Amino acid sequence: MENIQGIISKNLANLRKRRNLTLDQVSEATGVSKAMLAQIEKGKSNPTVATLWKIANGLQVSFTSFMTESEPQVKQISLTDIEPITDNEGRYRVYPFFPFHPDKKFEIYVTELEPGCFHQAKTHLGEEYIVMKNGELIMDLQGQRYTLASGDALQFSGTVPHSYKNETAEPASFFMLMFYPENEI
């Protein structure tokens, strides 16, 4: 674990850069001097609780957002390490590779359907992007039927009634990306 001063330093600098703010603008919004902000960002000053509260309030973020360690730059995941979410007596399995995170606008799953499996999905916010991995999948979108085979893809709004069906004797699997536009989160 990195020391707290280093974590605060990185988080403040990253927040300022993400918002395209200068040190002068952050100083004006927070009431903390430009010199003090620069020292904090460089890791040369350990801010007091009062100073961190001033910065958090001025930038309208949580106090603890400055102390949260960032996720690793590389994250390797194996399907065998993920416990699936199941339906249809285990014949429909969803493996959450990258579940929803508030800082991101998407989530990624691998979905598997056993032969003959039918799954009626609930409508939801956002958009779905399906990329077939193996087998064949029948998608029904408001009565319109789409047949997808390995290498095929389909994009649609989650607000449209939809279902997934495997009519073959072989398992079907696909990658699913759910995208949530900012105004829907």
N, C-alpha and C. Protein backbone atom coordinates (compact mmCIF):
# COMPACT_ATOMS: atom_id res chain seq x y z
N MET A 1 0.85 -1.18 0.00
CA MET A 1 0.00 0.00 0.00
C MET A 1 0.89 1.25 0.00
N GLU A 2 0.55 2.16 -0.86
CA GLU A 2 1.29 3.42 -0.96
C GLU A 2 0.96 4.28 0.27
N ASN A 3 1.90 5.18 0.66
CA ASN A 3 1.62 6.03 1.81
C ASN A 3 0.49 7.01 1.48
N ILE A 4 -0.22 7.43 2.52
CA ILE A 4 -1.41 8.25 2.35
C ILE A 4 -1.11 9.58 1.67
N GLN A 5 0.05 10.16 1.95
CA GLN A 5 0.43 11.43 1.33
C GLN A 5 0.53 11.26 -0.19
N GLY A 6 1.12 10.16 -0.63
CA GLY A 6 1.25 9.88 -2.05
C GLY A 6 -0.10 9.64 -2.72
N ILE A 7 -0.99 8.95 -2.01
CA ILE A 7 -2.33 8.68 -2.55
C ILE A 7 -3.11 9.99 -2.70
N ILE A 8 -3.08 10.83 -1.68
CA ILE A 8 -3.77 12.13 -1.74
C ILE A 8 -3.20 12.96 -2.88
N SER A 9 -1.89 12.98 -2.99
CA SER A 9 -1.22 13.74 -4.04
C SER A 9 -1.71 13.33 -5.43
N LYS A 10 -1.70 12.03 -5.71
CA LYS A 10 -2.13 11.53 -7.03
C LYS A 10 -3.61 11.81 -7.28
N ASN A 11 -4.44 11.58 -6.27
CA ASN A 11 -5.88 11.76 -6.46
C ASN A 11 -6.25 13.22 -6.72
N LEU A 12 -5.61 14.14 -6.01
CA LEU A 12 -5.88 15.56 -6.25
C LEU A 12 -5.43 15.97 -7.65
N ALA A 13 -4.23 15.57 -8.04
CA ALA A 13 -3.72 15.92 -9.37
C ALA A 13 -4.59 15.31 -10.47
N ASN A 14 -4.99 14.04 -10.30
CA ASN A 14 -5.84 13.39 -11.31
C ASN A 14 -7.20 14.05 -11.43
N LEU A 15 -7.79 14.40 -10.30
CA LEU A 15 -9.10 15.07 -10.31
C LEU A 15 -9.00 16.42 -11.02
N ARG A 16 -7.99 17.18 -10.69
CA ARG A 16 -7.82 18.49 -11.31
C ARG A 16 -7.64 18.35 -12.82
N LYS A 17 -6.82 17.40 -13.24
CA LYS A 17 -6.56 17.21 -14.68
C LYS A 17 -7.79 16.69 -15.42
N ARG A 18 -8.54 15.77 -14.80
CA ARG A 18 -9.76 15.26 -15.43
C ARG A 18 -10.77 16.37 -15.68
N ARG A 19 -10.79 17.34 -14.78
CA ARG A 19 -11.74 18.45 -14.91
C ARG A 19 -11.14 19.63 -15.70
N ASN A 20 -9.92 19.47 -16.18
CA ASN A 20 -9.23 20.52 -16.93
C ASN A 20 -9.17 21.84 -16.16
N LEU A 21 -8.80 21.75 -14.89
CA LEU A 21 -8.70 22.93 -14.04
C LEU A 21 -7.23 23.29 -13.81
N THR A 22 -6.97 24.58 -13.72
CA THR A 22 -5.64 25.04 -13.36
C THR A 22 -5.55 25.08 -11.84
N LEU A 23 -4.34 25.21 -11.33
CA LEU A 23 -4.17 25.37 -9.89
C LEU A 23 -4.87 26.65 -9.41
N ASP A 24 -4.82 27.70 -10.23
CA ASP A 24 -5.50 28.95 -9.87
C ASP A 24 -7.01 28.72 -9.72
N GLN A 25 -7.59 27.97 -10.63
CA GLN A 25 -9.04 27.72 -10.57
C GLN A 25 -9.40 26.88 -9.35
N VAL A 26 -8.58 25.88 -9.03
CA VAL A 26 -8.84 25.06 -7.85
C VAL A 26 -8.68 25.91 -6.59
N SER A 27 -7.68 26.78 -6.58
CA SER A 27 -7.47 27.67 -5.44
C SER A 27 -8.68 28.57 -5.22
N GLU A 28 -9.18 29.11 -6.31
CA GLU A 28 -10.35 30.00 -6.22
C GLU A 28 -11.58 29.25 -5.72
N ALA A 29 -11.77 28.01 -6.19
CA ALA A 29 -12.95 27.22 -5.80
C ALA A 29 -12.88 26.71 -4.36
N THR A 30 -11.66 26.50 -3.87
CA THR A 30 -11.51 25.86 -2.56
C THR A 30 -11.09 26.80 -1.43
N GLY A 31 -10.47 27.92 -1.78
CA GLY A 31 -9.95 28.81 -0.74
C GLY A 31 -8.60 28.35 -0.21
N VAL A 32 -7.99 27.37 -0.87
CA VAL A 32 -6.66 26.89 -0.50
C VAL A 32 -5.67 27.52 -1.47
N SER A 33 -4.55 28.02 -0.96
CA SER A 33 -3.61 28.73 -1.82
C SER A 33 -3.06 27.84 -2.93
N LYS A 34 -2.73 28.49 -4.03
CA LYS A 34 -2.14 27.80 -5.17
C LYS A 34 -0.84 27.10 -4.75
N ALA A 35 -0.04 27.77 -3.93
CA ALA A 35 1.23 27.20 -3.47
C ALA A 35 0.99 25.93 -2.66
N MET A 36 0.00 25.96 -1.77
CA MET A 36 -0.31 24.79 -0.95
C MET A 36 -0.81 23.64 -1.83
N LEU A 37 -1.68 23.95 -2.80
CA LEU A 37 -2.19 22.92 -3.70
C LEU A 37 -1.05 22.27 -4.49
N ALA A 38 -0.12 23.09 -4.97
CA ALA A 38 1.03 22.57 -5.72
C ALA A 38 1.88 21.66 -4.84
N GLN A 39 2.09 22.06 -3.60
CA GLN A 39 2.87 21.25 -2.67
C GLN A 39 2.18 19.91 -2.39
N ILE A 40 0.86 19.94 -2.25
CA ILE A 40 0.10 18.70 -2.02
C ILE A 40 0.22 17.79 -3.23
N GLU A 41 0.02 18.35 -4.43
CA GLU A 41 0.09 17.54 -5.65
C GLU A 41 1.48 16.94 -5.87
N LYS A 42 2.51 17.63 -5.45
CA LYS A 42 3.88 17.12 -5.61
C LYS A 42 4.25 16.14 -4.50
N GLY A 43 3.37 15.99 -3.51
CA GLY A 43 3.64 15.09 -2.40
C GLY A 43 4.61 15.66 -1.39
N LYS A 44 4.79 16.99 -1.42
CA LYS A 44 5.74 17.64 -0.51
C LYS A 44 5.07 18.22 0.73
N SER A 45 3.74 18.16 0.76
CA SER A 45 3.02 18.67 1.92
C SER A 45 1.91 17.69 2.28
N ASN A 46 1.80 17.41 3.56
CA ASN A 46 0.74 16.53 4.03
C ASN A 46 -0.40 17.41 4.52
N PRO A 47 -1.52 17.49 3.77
CA PRO A 47 -2.58 18.43 4.14
C PRO A 47 -3.28 18.04 5.44
N THR A 48 -3.77 19.03 6.13
CA THR A 48 -4.54 18.79 7.35
C THR A 48 -5.94 18.33 6.96
N VAL A 49 -6.68 17.82 7.92
CA VAL A 49 -8.06 17.41 7.69
C VAL A 49 -8.88 18.62 7.24
N ALA A 50 -8.65 19.76 7.88
CA ALA A 50 -9.39 20.98 7.52
C ALA A 50 -9.10 21.38 6.08
N THR A 51 -7.85 21.28 5.65
CA THR A 51 -7.49 21.64 4.27
C THR A 51 -8.14 20.67 3.28
N LEU A 52 -8.12 19.38 3.59
CA LEU A 52 -8.76 18.40 2.70
C LEU A 52 -10.27 18.65 2.59
N TRP A 53 -10.89 19.01 3.71
CA TRP A 53 -12.33 19.31 3.67
C TRP A 53 -12.60 20.53 2.78
N LYS A 54 -11.76 21.53 2.87
CA LYS A 54 -11.93 22.73 2.03
C LYS A 54 -11.82 22.35 0.55
N ILE A 55 -10.85 21.51 0.23
CA ILE A 55 -10.67 21.10 -1.16
C ILE A 55 -11.86 20.25 -1.62
N ALA A 56 -12.27 19.29 -0.78
CA ALA A 56 -13.40 18.42 -1.13
C ALA A 56 -14.67 19.24 -1.35
N ASN A 57 -14.95 20.16 -0.44
CA ASN A 57 -16.16 20.98 -0.57
C ASN A 57 -16.09 21.89 -1.80
N GLY A 58 -14.93 22.48 -2.03
CA GLY A 58 -14.79 23.38 -3.18
C GLY A 58 -14.91 22.65 -4.51
N LEU A 59 -14.44 21.41 -4.57
CA LEU A 59 -14.51 20.63 -5.81
C LEU A 59 -15.74 19.73 -5.86
N GLN A 60 -16.52 19.76 -4.79
CA GLN A 60 -17.76 18.99 -4.68
C GLN A 60 -17.53 17.49 -4.87
N VAL A 61 -16.59 16.97 -4.10
CA VAL A 61 -16.32 15.53 -4.07
C VAL A 61 -16.31 15.09 -2.61
N SER A 62 -16.35 13.78 -2.40
CA SER A 62 -16.32 13.27 -1.03
C SER A 62 -14.93 13.44 -0.43
N PHE A 63 -14.88 13.58 0.86
CA PHE A 63 -13.63 13.71 1.59
C PHE A 63 -12.74 12.50 1.33
N THR A 64 -13.34 11.30 1.34
CA THR A 64 -12.56 10.07 1.19
C THR A 64 -12.08 9.83 -0.24
N SER A 65 -12.61 10.58 -1.20
CA SER A 65 -12.16 10.38 -2.58
C SER A 65 -10.66 10.66 -2.73
N PHE A 66 -10.09 11.45 -1.84
CA PHE A 66 -8.66 11.74 -1.90
C PHE A 66 -7.81 10.61 -1.31
N MET A 67 -8.45 9.72 -0.56
CA MET A 67 -7.70 8.65 0.11
C MET A 67 -7.91 7.29 -0.54
N THR A 68 -8.69 7.23 -1.59
CA THR A 68 -8.98 5.98 -2.27
C THR A 68 -7.83 5.62 -3.21
N GLU A 69 -7.32 4.41 -3.03
CA GLU A 69 -6.25 3.96 -3.92
C GLU A 69 -6.85 3.59 -5.27
N SER A 70 -6.14 3.91 -6.33
CA SER A 70 -6.62 3.60 -7.67
C SER A 70 -6.48 2.11 -7.94
N GLU A 71 -7.30 1.63 -8.88
CA GLU A 71 -7.23 0.24 -9.27
C GLU A 71 -5.94 0.01 -10.06
N PRO A 72 -5.47 -1.23 -10.07
CA PRO A 72 -4.27 -1.51 -10.84
C PRO A 72 -4.49 -1.22 -12.33
N GLN A 73 -3.43 -0.85 -13.03
CA GLN A 73 -3.51 -0.52 -14.44
C GLN A 73 -3.84 -1.75 -15.28
N VAL A 74 -3.46 -2.92 -14.81
CA VAL A 74 -3.71 -4.16 -15.53
C VAL A 74 -4.48 -5.10 -14.60
N LYS A 75 -5.55 -5.66 -15.14
CA LYS A 75 -6.37 -6.58 -14.35
C LYS A 75 -6.63 -7.81 -15.20
N GLN A 76 -6.11 -8.95 -14.79
CA GLN A 76 -6.32 -10.19 -15.52
C GLN A 76 -7.37 -11.01 -14.79
N ILE A 77 -8.32 -11.53 -15.57
CA ILE A 77 -9.43 -12.29 -15.00
C ILE A 77 -9.58 -13.58 -15.79
N SER A 78 -9.85 -14.67 -15.09
CA SER A 78 -10.08 -15.95 -15.74
C SER A 78 -11.52 -16.37 -15.50
N LEU A 79 -12.15 -16.90 -16.52
CA LEU A 79 -13.54 -17.36 -16.42
C LEU A 79 -13.70 -18.36 -15.28
N THR A 80 -12.69 -19.18 -15.06
CA THR A 80 -12.77 -20.20 -14.01
C THR A 80 -12.77 -19.60 -12.60
N ASP A 81 -12.36 -18.35 -12.46
CA ASP A 81 -12.33 -17.69 -11.15
C ASP A 81 -13.62 -16.93 -10.84
N ILE A 82 -14.55 -16.89 -11.78
CA ILE A 82 -15.77 -16.10 -11.60
C ILE A 82 -16.95 -17.01 -11.30
N GLU A 83 -17.70 -16.69 -10.28
CA GLU A 83 -18.92 -17.41 -9.95
C GLU A 83 -20.05 -16.82 -10.80
N PRO A 84 -20.69 -17.64 -11.66
CA PRO A 84 -21.71 -17.08 -12.54
C PRO A 84 -23.02 -16.78 -11.80
N ILE A 85 -23.76 -15.87 -12.37
CA ILE A 85 -25.13 -15.59 -11.95
C ILE A 85 -25.98 -16.44 -12.89
N THR A 86 -26.89 -17.24 -12.35
CA THR A 86 -27.61 -18.19 -13.18
C THR A 86 -29.11 -17.95 -13.20
N ASP A 87 -29.74 -18.51 -14.21
CA ASP A 87 -31.19 -18.50 -14.35
C ASP A 87 -31.55 -19.76 -15.12
N ASN A 88 -32.84 -20.02 -15.26
CA ASN A 88 -33.32 -21.19 -16.02
C ASN A 88 -32.63 -22.47 -15.53
N GLU A 89 -32.64 -22.66 -14.20
CA GLU A 89 -32.08 -23.85 -13.57
C GLU A 89 -30.60 -24.07 -13.94
N GLY A 90 -29.86 -22.98 -14.05
CA GLY A 90 -28.43 -23.04 -14.33
C GLY A 90 -28.09 -23.17 -15.80
N ARG A 91 -29.08 -23.14 -16.67
CA ARG A 91 -28.83 -23.30 -18.11
C ARG A 91 -28.50 -21.97 -18.79
N TYR A 92 -28.73 -20.87 -18.08
CA TYR A 92 -28.37 -19.52 -18.55
C TYR A 92 -27.41 -18.96 -17.51
N ARG A 93 -26.16 -18.72 -17.92
CA ARG A 93 -25.13 -18.28 -16.97
C ARG A 93 -24.49 -16.98 -17.44
N VAL A 94 -24.36 -16.05 -16.50
CA VAL A 94 -23.74 -14.76 -16.78
C VAL A 94 -22.52 -14.62 -15.87
N TYR A 95 -21.36 -14.43 -16.50
CA TYR A 95 -20.10 -14.28 -15.78
C TYR A 95 -19.70 -12.80 -15.80
N PRO A 96 -19.77 -12.12 -14.66
CA PRO A 96 -19.43 -10.68 -14.63
C PRO A 96 -17.91 -10.45 -14.64
N PHE A 97 -17.35 -10.28 -15.83
CA PHE A 97 -15.91 -10.03 -15.95
C PHE A 97 -15.56 -8.65 -15.39
N PHE A 98 -16.26 -7.64 -15.83
CA PHE A 98 -16.03 -6.27 -15.35
C PHE A 98 -17.39 -5.69 -14.98
N PRO A 99 -17.84 -5.92 -13.73
CA PRO A 99 -19.15 -5.40 -13.31
C PRO A 99 -19.17 -3.88 -13.30
N PHE A 100 -20.37 -3.35 -13.22
CA PHE A 100 -20.54 -1.90 -13.22
C PHE A 100 -19.76 -1.26 -12.08
N HIS A 101 -19.13 -0.15 -12.40
CA HIS A 101 -18.40 0.66 -11.42
C HIS A 101 -18.83 2.10 -11.65
N PRO A 102 -19.11 2.86 -10.58
CA PRO A 102 -19.63 4.23 -10.75
C PRO A 102 -18.74 5.14 -11.60
N ASP A 103 -17.43 4.88 -11.65
CA ASP A 103 -16.54 5.74 -12.43
C ASP A 103 -16.52 5.38 -13.92
N LYS A 104 -17.15 4.27 -14.26
CA LYS A 104 -17.18 3.83 -15.66
C LYS A 104 -18.63 3.80 -16.12
N LYS A 105 -18.84 3.76 -17.41
CA LYS A 105 -20.21 3.77 -17.94
C LYS A 105 -20.57 2.44 -18.59
N PHE A 106 -19.84 1.38 -18.29
CA PHE A 106 -20.11 0.10 -18.92
C PHE A 106 -19.83 -1.05 -17.97
N GLU A 107 -20.30 -2.23 -18.37
CA GLU A 107 -19.96 -3.47 -17.70
C GLU A 107 -19.85 -4.55 -18.78
N ILE A 108 -19.01 -5.57 -18.54
CA ILE A 108 -18.75 -6.60 -19.54
C ILE A 108 -18.96 -7.97 -18.91
N TYR A 109 -19.70 -8.81 -19.63
CA TYR A 109 -20.00 -10.16 -19.19
C TYR A 109 -19.69 -11.16 -20.29
N VAL A 110 -19.54 -12.42 -19.89
CA VAL A 110 -19.62 -13.55 -20.81
C VAL A 110 -20.89 -14.28 -20.42
N THR A 111 -21.72 -14.58 -21.40
CA THR A 111 -22.98 -15.26 -21.16
C THR A 111 -22.98 -16.59 -21.89
N GLU A 112 -23.49 -17.62 -21.23
CA GLU A 112 -23.57 -18.95 -21.82
C GLU A 112 -25.01 -19.46 -21.74
N LEU A 113 -25.46 -20.07 -22.84
CA LEU A 113 -26.78 -20.70 -22.89
C LEU A 113 -26.61 -22.15 -23.29
N GLU A 114 -27.16 -23.05 -22.50
CA GLU A 114 -27.14 -24.47 -22.84
C GLU A 114 -28.09 -24.73 -24.01
N PRO A 115 -27.94 -25.84 -24.71
CA PRO A 115 -28.85 -26.16 -25.81
C PRO A 115 -30.31 -26.12 -25.37
N GLY A 116 -31.14 -25.49 -26.20
CA GLY A 116 -32.57 -25.39 -25.92
C GLY A 116 -32.96 -24.33 -24.90
N CYS A 117 -32.01 -23.61 -24.37
CA CYS A 117 -32.28 -22.61 -23.33
C CYS A 117 -32.93 -21.37 -23.93
N PHE A 118 -33.96 -20.87 -23.24
CA PHE A 118 -34.64 -19.62 -23.60
C PHE A 118 -34.60 -18.72 -22.37
N HIS A 119 -34.22 -17.46 -22.58
CA HIS A 119 -34.19 -16.49 -21.47
C HIS A 119 -34.86 -15.20 -21.91
N GLN A 120 -35.95 -14.85 -21.22
CA GLN A 120 -36.65 -13.59 -21.47
C GLN A 120 -36.01 -12.54 -20.56
N ALA A 121 -35.35 -11.56 -21.17
CA ALA A 121 -34.66 -10.53 -20.39
C ALA A 121 -35.64 -9.47 -19.92
N LYS A 122 -35.31 -8.83 -18.83
CA LYS A 122 -36.04 -7.66 -18.36
C LYS A 122 -35.51 -6.45 -19.12
N THR A 123 -36.39 -5.52 -19.45
CA THR A 123 -35.91 -4.30 -20.09
C THR A 123 -35.12 -3.51 -19.05
N HIS A 124 -34.20 -2.67 -19.52
CA HIS A 124 -33.30 -1.95 -18.63
C HIS A 124 -32.76 -0.72 -19.34
N LEU A 125 -32.13 0.14 -18.56
CA LEU A 125 -31.47 1.32 -19.13
C LEU A 125 -30.26 0.90 -19.93
N GLY A 126 -29.80 1.78 -20.77
CA GLY A 126 -28.54 1.56 -21.49
C GLY A 126 -28.69 0.82 -22.79
N GLU A 127 -27.53 0.49 -23.34
CA GLU A 127 -27.46 -0.22 -24.61
C GLU A 127 -26.72 -1.53 -24.39
N GLU A 128 -27.09 -2.54 -25.17
CA GLU A 128 -26.39 -3.82 -25.14
C GLU A 128 -25.61 -3.99 -26.42
N TYR A 129 -24.43 -4.54 -26.28
CA TYR A 129 -23.59 -4.91 -27.41
C TYR A 129 -23.26 -6.39 -27.23
N ILE A 130 -23.68 -7.21 -28.19
CA ILE A 130 -23.46 -8.66 -28.14
C ILE A 130 -22.44 -9.02 -29.21
N VAL A 131 -21.41 -9.78 -28.83
CA VAL A 131 -20.44 -10.32 -29.78
C VAL A 131 -20.38 -11.82 -29.53
N MET A 132 -20.79 -12.59 -30.54
CA MET A 132 -20.83 -14.05 -30.39
C MET A 132 -19.43 -14.62 -30.27
N LYS A 133 -19.29 -15.52 -29.33
CA LYS A 133 -18.04 -16.23 -29.10
C LYS A 133 -18.12 -17.61 -29.77
N ASN A 134 -19.11 -18.40 -29.36
CA ASN A 134 -19.28 -19.76 -29.89
C ASN A 134 -20.77 -20.07 -30.04
N GLY A 135 -21.06 -20.96 -30.97
CA GLY A 135 -22.43 -21.44 -31.12
C GLY A 135 -23.30 -20.48 -31.91
N GLU A 136 -24.61 -20.63 -31.70
CA GLU A 136 -25.59 -19.81 -32.41
C GLU A 136 -26.63 -19.31 -31.41
N LEU A 137 -27.03 -18.08 -31.57
CA LEU A 137 -27.97 -17.43 -30.67
C LEU A 137 -29.09 -16.80 -31.48
N ILE A 138 -30.31 -16.96 -31.02
CA ILE A 138 -31.46 -16.29 -31.61
C ILE A 138 -31.84 -15.16 -30.66
N MET A 139 -31.80 -13.94 -31.16
CA MET A 139 -32.23 -12.77 -30.39
C MET A 139 -33.58 -12.34 -30.93
N ASP A 140 -34.52 -12.10 -30.02
CA ASP A 140 -35.81 -11.56 -30.40
C ASP A 140 -35.90 -10.16 -29.81
N LEU A 141 -36.02 -9.15 -30.68
CA LEU A 141 -36.13 -7.75 -30.25
C LEU A 141 -37.48 -7.23 -30.73
N GLN A 142 -38.43 -7.14 -29.81
CA GLN A 142 -39.79 -6.68 -30.12
C GLN A 142 -40.39 -7.44 -31.29
N GLY A 143 -40.23 -8.75 -31.30
CA GLY A 143 -40.81 -9.58 -32.36
C GLY A 143 -39.93 -9.74 -33.59
N GLN A 144 -38.87 -8.99 -33.70
CA GLN A 144 -37.93 -9.13 -34.83
C GLN A 144 -36.86 -10.13 -34.42
N ARG A 145 -36.67 -11.16 -35.24
CA ARG A 145 -35.74 -12.25 -34.93
C ARG A 145 -34.39 -12.02 -35.62
N TYR A 146 -33.29 -12.18 -34.84
CA TYR A 146 -31.93 -12.05 -35.36
C TYR A 146 -31.17 -13.32 -35.00
N THR A 147 -30.52 -13.94 -35.98
CA THR A 147 -29.71 -15.13 -35.75
C THR A 147 -28.25 -14.72 -35.79
N LEU A 148 -27.54 -15.04 -34.70
CA LEU A 148 -26.12 -14.68 -34.58
C LEU A 148 -25.29 -15.95 -34.45
N ALA A 149 -24.21 -16.02 -35.21
CA ALA A 149 -23.26 -17.13 -35.13
C ALA A 149 -21.91 -16.59 -34.69
N SER A 150 -20.97 -17.48 -34.45
CA SER A 150 -19.63 -17.10 -34.00
C SER A 150 -19.07 -15.98 -34.88
N GLY A 151 -18.63 -14.89 -34.21
CA GLY A 151 -18.06 -13.75 -34.93
C GLY A 151 -19.07 -12.67 -35.27
N ASP A 152 -20.36 -12.92 -35.11
CA ASP A 152 -21.39 -11.91 -35.39
C ASP A 152 -21.58 -11.01 -34.17
N ALA A 153 -22.16 -9.83 -34.42
CA ALA A 153 -22.40 -8.87 -33.34
C ALA A 153 -23.76 -8.21 -33.54
N LEU A 154 -24.31 -7.69 -32.44
CA LEU A 154 -25.61 -7.01 -32.47
C LEU A 154 -25.60 -5.93 -31.40
N GLN A 155 -26.15 -4.76 -31.72
CA GLN A 155 -26.27 -3.66 -30.75
C GLN A 155 -27.73 -3.25 -30.71
N PHE A 156 -28.26 -2.98 -29.50
CA PHE A 156 -29.65 -2.55 -29.36
C PHE A 156 -29.86 -1.86 -28.01
N SER A 157 -30.97 -1.16 -27.91
CA SER A 157 -31.33 -0.47 -26.67
C SER A 157 -31.91 -1.48 -25.69
N GLY A 158 -31.48 -1.40 -24.44
CA GLY A 158 -31.99 -2.29 -23.40
C GLY A 158 -33.44 -2.01 -23.06
N THR A 159 -33.97 -0.87 -23.49
CA THR A 159 -35.37 -0.54 -23.20
C THR A 159 -36.34 -1.31 -24.10
N VAL A 160 -35.82 -1.97 -25.13
CA VAL A 160 -36.63 -2.76 -26.06
C VAL A 160 -36.81 -4.17 -25.47
N PRO A 161 -38.04 -4.70 -25.42
CA PRO A 161 -38.21 -6.08 -24.96
C PRO A 161 -37.34 -7.02 -25.80
N HIS A 162 -36.59 -7.90 -25.12
CA HIS A 162 -35.69 -8.79 -25.84
C HIS A 162 -35.53 -10.12 -25.12
N SER A 163 -35.16 -11.16 -25.91
CA SER A 163 -34.93 -12.48 -25.35
C SER A 163 -33.77 -13.14 -26.08
N TYR A 164 -33.21 -14.14 -25.41
CA TYR A 164 -32.08 -14.91 -25.93
C TYR A 164 -32.52 -16.37 -26.02
N LYS A 165 -32.18 -17.04 -27.11
CA LYS A 165 -32.56 -18.43 -27.26
C LYS A 165 -31.48 -19.21 -28.01
N ASN A 166 -31.18 -20.39 -27.50
CA ASN A 166 -30.26 -21.31 -28.18
C ASN A 166 -31.10 -22.48 -28.69
N GLU A 167 -31.35 -22.53 -29.99
CA GLU A 167 -32.18 -23.58 -30.59
C GLU A 167 -31.36 -24.76 -31.08
N THR A 168 -30.05 -24.74 -30.85
CA THR A 168 -29.18 -25.80 -31.37
C THR A 168 -28.90 -26.86 -30.29
N ALA A 169 -28.17 -27.89 -30.68
CA ALA A 169 -27.77 -28.95 -29.77
C ALA A 169 -26.41 -28.66 -29.11
N GLU A 170 -25.82 -27.51 -29.43
CA GLU A 170 -24.52 -27.12 -28.89
C GLU A 170 -24.67 -25.90 -27.98
N PRO A 171 -23.80 -25.75 -26.97
CA PRO A 171 -23.85 -24.54 -26.13
C PRO A 171 -23.55 -23.28 -26.96
N ALA A 172 -24.10 -22.17 -26.53
CA ALA A 172 -23.82 -20.88 -27.17
C ALA A 172 -23.23 -19.95 -26.11
N SER A 173 -22.25 -19.15 -26.51
CA SER A 173 -21.68 -18.17 -25.58
C SER A 173 -21.36 -16.89 -26.33
N PHE A 174 -21.48 -15.78 -25.59
CA PHE A 174 -21.22 -14.48 -26.20
C PHE A 174 -20.72 -13.51 -25.16
N PHE A 175 -20.04 -12.49 -25.66
CA PHE A 175 -19.61 -11.37 -24.83
C PHE A 175 -20.72 -10.33 -24.85
N MET A 176 -21.01 -9.76 -23.69
CA MET A 176 -22.04 -8.73 -23.60
C MET A 176 -21.45 -7.50 -22.93
N LEU A 177 -21.53 -6.38 -23.62
CA LEU A 177 -21.13 -5.11 -23.04
C LEU A 177 -22.39 -4.29 -22.85
N MET A 178 -22.61 -3.82 -21.63
CA MET A 178 -23.74 -2.94 -21.32
C MET A 178 -23.16 -1.55 -21.16
N PHE A 179 -23.67 -0.61 -21.96
CA PHE A 179 -23.20 0.77 -21.91
C PHE A 179 -24.32 1.63 -21.34
N TYR A 180 -23.98 2.48 -20.37
CA TYR A 180 -24.95 3.37 -19.73
C TYR A 180 -24.55 4.82 -20.00
N PRO A 181 -25.26 5.49 -20.91
CA PRO A 181 -24.95 6.91 -21.15
C PRO A 181 -25.07 7.67 -19.83
N GLU A 182 -24.30 8.71 -19.71
CA GLU A 182 -24.18 9.48 -18.45
C GLU A 182 -25.53 9.89 -17.88
N ASN A 183 -26.46 10.28 -18.72
CA ASN A 183 -27.75 10.75 -18.20
C ASN A 183 -28.63 9.62 -17.72
N GLU A 184 -28.21 8.36 -17.88
CA GLU A 184 -29.01 7.24 -17.42
C GLU A 184 -28.50 6.63 -16.12
N ILE A 185 -27.33 7.00 -15.66
CA ILE A 185 -26.76 6.37 -14.48
C ILE A 185 -27.38 6.93 -13.23
